[in-house]
Amino acid sequence: RYVEASSIVEIDAVSPETFRRISNPISAASGAASRDDGTRNSQPLRVETIYNETRGHLKIIIVGGLRASAGVLELIHAVLES
């Protein structure tokens, strides 16, 4: 069964350093999750980041399977809590 999630995360007061700390691991995670393993359950994961340094505003758009999308949300949460 095909199930897809679309999520938008908006974060204020994001410094350039925090942006790097968030964007690097989610970029790596989305690349790993997007690899097609040849199974019926493979679903691509797409993650886009839009960062406005002047406003310190970060928007993250996540589109993909439920498990992979949840993993990206957990990564974002972990970075923000650290």
N, C-alpha and C. Protein backbone atom coordinates (compact mmCIF):
# COMPACT_ATOMS: atom_id res chain seq x y z
N ARG A 1 0.85 -1.17 0.00
CA ARG A 1 0.00 0.00 0.00
C ARG A 1 0.89 1.23 0.00
N TYR A 2 0.52 2.20 -0.80
CA TYR A 2 1.30 3.43 -0.89
C TYR A 2 0.76 4.44 0.11
N VAL A 3 1.62 4.90 0.99
CA VAL A 3 1.26 5.93 1.97
C VAL A 3 2.37 6.96 1.96
N GLU A 4 2.00 8.23 1.89
CA GLU A 4 2.99 9.29 1.84
C GLU A 4 2.61 10.39 2.82
N ALA A 5 3.61 10.99 3.42
CA ALA A 5 3.39 12.11 4.33
C ALA A 5 4.03 13.36 3.75
N SER A 6 3.38 14.49 3.97
CA SER A 6 3.94 15.80 3.63
C SER A 6 3.96 16.62 4.90
N SER A 7 5.12 17.14 5.24
CA SER A 7 5.26 17.92 6.47
C SER A 7 6.03 19.19 6.18
N ILE A 8 5.64 20.26 6.86
CA ILE A 8 6.38 21.51 6.79
C ILE A 8 6.73 21.90 8.22
N VAL A 9 8.02 22.11 8.46
CA VAL A 9 8.51 22.52 9.77
C VAL A 9 9.06 23.93 9.62
N GLU A 10 8.60 24.85 10.46
CA GLU A 10 9.12 26.22 10.44
C GLU A 10 9.73 26.52 11.80
N ILE A 11 10.94 27.06 11.76
CA ILE A 11 11.69 27.33 12.99
C ILE A 11 12.21 28.76 12.93
N ASP A 12 11.97 29.52 13.99
CA ASP A 12 12.49 30.89 14.10
C ASP A 12 13.75 30.92 14.95
N ALA A 13 14.45 32.03 14.90
CA ALA A 13 15.66 32.26 15.70
C ALA A 13 16.73 31.21 15.40
N VAL A 14 16.96 30.96 14.10
CA VAL A 14 17.94 29.97 13.67
C VAL A 14 19.21 30.69 13.21
N SER A 15 20.30 30.44 13.91
CA SER A 15 21.59 31.01 13.52
C SER A 15 22.15 30.21 12.35
N PRO A 16 23.12 30.78 11.62
CA PRO A 16 23.76 30.01 10.54
C PRO A 16 24.36 28.70 11.05
N GLU A 17 24.92 28.71 12.25
CA GLU A 17 25.50 27.48 12.81
C GLU A 17 24.41 26.42 13.06
N THR A 18 23.28 26.85 13.62
CA THR A 18 22.18 25.92 13.85
C THR A 18 21.64 25.39 12.53
N PHE A 19 21.56 26.26 11.53
CA PHE A 19 21.12 25.81 10.21
C PHE A 19 22.02 24.69 9.68
N ARG A 20 23.33 24.86 9.80
CA ARG A 20 24.27 23.82 9.36
C ARG A 20 24.10 22.54 10.17
N ARG A 21 23.90 22.69 11.48
CA ARG A 21 23.73 21.51 12.34
C ARG A 21 22.46 20.73 11.99
N ILE A 22 21.45 21.43 11.51
CA ILE A 22 20.21 20.76 11.11
C ILE A 22 20.31 20.22 9.68
N SER A 23 20.81 21.04 8.77
CA SER A 23 20.76 20.66 7.35
C SER A 23 21.69 19.51 7.00
N ASN A 24 22.86 19.43 7.62
CA ASN A 24 23.79 18.35 7.27
C ASN A 24 23.23 16.96 7.57
N PRO A 25 22.75 16.69 8.79
CA PRO A 25 22.24 15.34 9.04
C PRO A 25 20.95 15.00 8.28
N ILE A 26 20.07 15.99 8.07
CA ILE A 26 18.85 15.65 7.34
C ILE A 26 19.13 15.44 5.85
N SER A 27 20.13 16.14 5.35
CA SER A 27 20.53 15.91 3.96
C SER A 27 21.08 14.50 3.80
N ALA A 28 21.93 14.09 4.73
CA ALA A 28 22.49 12.73 4.69
C ALA A 28 21.39 11.68 4.86
N ALA A 29 20.47 11.93 5.78
CA ALA A 29 19.39 10.97 6.03
C ALA A 29 18.47 10.85 4.82
N SER A 30 18.16 11.98 4.19
CA SER A 30 17.26 11.91 3.05
C SER A 30 17.93 11.22 1.87
N GLY A 31 19.23 11.40 1.72
CA GLY A 31 19.95 10.70 0.66
C GLY A 31 19.95 9.21 0.88
N ALA A 32 20.17 8.79 2.11
CA ALA A 32 20.18 7.36 2.43
C ALA A 32 18.80 6.75 2.27
N ALA A 33 17.77 7.46 2.72
CA ALA A 33 16.41 6.92 2.66
C ALA A 33 15.87 6.90 1.23
N SER A 34 16.42 7.74 0.36
CA SER A 34 15.92 7.82 -1.01
C SER A 34 16.45 6.73 -1.91
N ARG A 35 17.45 6.00 -1.47
CA ARG A 35 18.00 4.93 -2.31
C ARG A 35 16.96 3.82 -2.45
N ASP A 36 16.70 3.47 -3.66
CA ASP A 36 15.72 2.42 -3.94
C ASP A 36 16.36 1.07 -3.68
N ASP A 37 15.77 0.31 -2.76
CA ASP A 37 16.33 -1.01 -2.45
C ASP A 37 15.68 -2.11 -3.29
N GLY A 38 14.84 -1.73 -4.25
CA GLY A 38 14.24 -2.70 -5.14
C GLY A 38 12.99 -3.39 -4.61
N THR A 39 12.56 -3.03 -3.42
CA THR A 39 11.36 -3.65 -2.86
C THR A 39 10.14 -2.82 -3.19
N ARG A 40 8.99 -3.46 -3.03
CA ARG A 40 7.72 -2.77 -3.28
C ARG A 40 7.49 -1.61 -2.32
N ASN A 41 8.10 -1.70 -1.15
CA ASN A 41 7.87 -0.69 -0.11
C ASN A 41 8.78 0.52 -0.22
N SER A 42 9.66 0.52 -1.20
CA SER A 42 10.58 1.65 -1.35
C SER A 42 9.80 2.90 -1.74
N GLN A 43 10.03 3.97 -1.01
CA GLN A 43 9.40 5.24 -1.33
C GLN A 43 10.47 6.32 -1.27
N PRO A 44 10.51 7.17 -2.27
CA PRO A 44 11.50 8.24 -2.23
C PRO A 44 11.20 9.22 -1.10
N LEU A 45 12.26 9.82 -0.59
CA LEU A 45 12.13 10.85 0.44
C LEU A 45 12.74 12.12 -0.12
N ARG A 46 11.99 13.19 -0.05
CA ARG A 46 12.49 14.47 -0.53
C ARG A 46 12.44 15.46 0.62
N VAL A 47 13.56 16.13 0.85
CA VAL A 47 13.64 17.14 1.90
C VAL A 47 14.24 18.40 1.29
N GLU A 48 13.53 19.51 1.45
CA GLU A 48 14.00 20.81 0.98
C GLU A 48 14.14 21.74 2.17
N THR A 49 15.23 22.50 2.21
CA THR A 49 15.40 23.50 3.27
C THR A 49 15.44 24.88 2.63
N ILE A 50 14.76 25.81 3.27
CA ILE A 50 14.76 27.21 2.84
C ILE A 50 15.15 28.03 4.06
N TYR A 51 16.30 28.68 3.98
CA TYR A 51 16.82 29.42 5.13
C TYR A 51 16.96 30.89 4.78
N ASN A 52 16.33 31.74 5.59
CA ASN A 52 16.46 33.18 5.45
C ASN A 52 17.36 33.65 6.59
N GLU A 53 18.62 33.88 6.27
CA GLU A 53 19.60 34.24 7.30
C GLU A 53 19.27 35.59 7.94
N THR A 54 18.76 36.52 7.16
CA THR A 54 18.43 37.84 7.68
C THR A 54 17.36 37.76 8.77
N ARG A 55 16.36 36.95 8.55
CA ARG A 55 15.27 36.78 9.53
C ARG A 55 15.54 35.67 10.53
N GLY A 56 16.55 34.84 10.26
CA GLY A 56 16.81 33.70 11.13
C GLY A 56 15.68 32.69 11.09
N HIS A 57 15.10 32.52 9.90
CA HIS A 57 13.93 31.65 9.73
C HIS A 57 14.30 30.47 8.84
N LEU A 58 13.94 29.27 9.28
CA LEU A 58 14.19 28.05 8.52
C LEU A 58 12.88 27.33 8.27
N LYS A 59 12.66 26.97 7.02
CA LYS A 59 11.50 26.15 6.65
C LYS A 59 12.04 24.85 6.05
N ILE A 60 11.53 23.73 6.54
CA ILE A 60 11.93 22.42 6.06
C ILE A 60 10.69 21.73 5.53
N ILE A 61 10.75 21.30 4.27
CA ILE A 61 9.64 20.61 3.63
C ILE A 61 10.04 19.15 3.45
N ILE A 62 9.22 18.26 3.97
CA ILE A 62 9.51 16.82 3.95
C ILE A 62 8.36 16.11 3.23
N VAL A 63 8.70 15.32 2.22
CA VAL A 63 7.70 14.53 1.50
C VAL A 63 8.27 13.13 1.31
N GLY A 64 7.54 12.14 1.81
CA GLY A 64 8.02 10.77 1.64
C GLY A 64 7.21 9.79 2.46
N GLY A 65 7.72 8.59 2.57
CA GLY A 65 7.07 7.55 3.35
C GLY A 65 6.99 7.93 4.82
N LEU A 66 6.07 7.30 5.53
CA LEU A 66 5.84 7.64 6.94
C LEU A 66 7.07 7.43 7.81
N ARG A 67 7.69 6.29 7.69
CA ARG A 67 8.84 5.97 8.55
C ARG A 67 10.01 6.92 8.28
N ALA A 68 10.32 7.15 7.01
CA ALA A 68 11.44 8.03 6.66
C ALA A 68 11.15 9.47 7.08
N SER A 69 9.91 9.92 6.87
CA SER A 69 9.54 11.28 7.28
C SER A 69 9.64 11.45 8.79
N ALA A 70 9.17 10.45 9.52
CA ALA A 70 9.26 10.49 10.98
C ALA A 70 10.71 10.54 11.43
N GLY A 71 11.58 9.82 10.75
CA GLY A 71 13.00 9.84 11.08
C GLY A 71 13.61 11.22 10.91
N VAL A 72 13.22 11.92 9.86
CA VAL A 72 13.72 13.29 9.64
C VAL A 72 13.21 14.21 10.74
N LEU A 73 11.94 14.08 11.10
CA LEU A 73 11.39 14.90 12.19
C LEU A 73 12.12 14.63 13.50
N GLU A 74 12.44 13.38 13.77
CA GLU A 74 13.21 13.04 14.99
C GLU A 74 14.60 13.66 14.95
N LEU A 75 15.24 13.63 13.78
CA LEU A 75 16.57 14.26 13.65
C LEU A 75 16.50 15.75 13.95
N ILE A 76 15.51 16.42 13.39
CA ILE A 76 15.35 17.86 13.63
C ILE A 76 15.16 18.11 15.12
N HIS A 77 14.29 17.34 15.74
CA HIS A 77 14.04 17.48 17.18
C HIS A 77 15.32 17.28 17.99
N ALA A 78 16.07 16.25 17.66
CA ALA A 78 17.30 15.95 18.41
C ALA A 78 18.32 17.09 18.29
N VAL A 79 18.46 17.65 17.10
CA VAL A 79 19.42 18.75 16.93
C VAL A 79 18.96 19.98 17.71
N LEU A 80 17.69 20.29 17.66
CA LEU A 80 17.18 21.47 18.36
C LEU A 80 17.26 21.32 19.88
N GLU A 81 17.15 20.10 20.37
CA GLU A 81 17.22 19.87 21.82
C GLU A 81 18.65 19.78 22.34
N SER A 82 19.62 19.63 21.44
CA SER A 82 21.02 19.47 21.90
C SER A 82 21.69 20.81 22.11
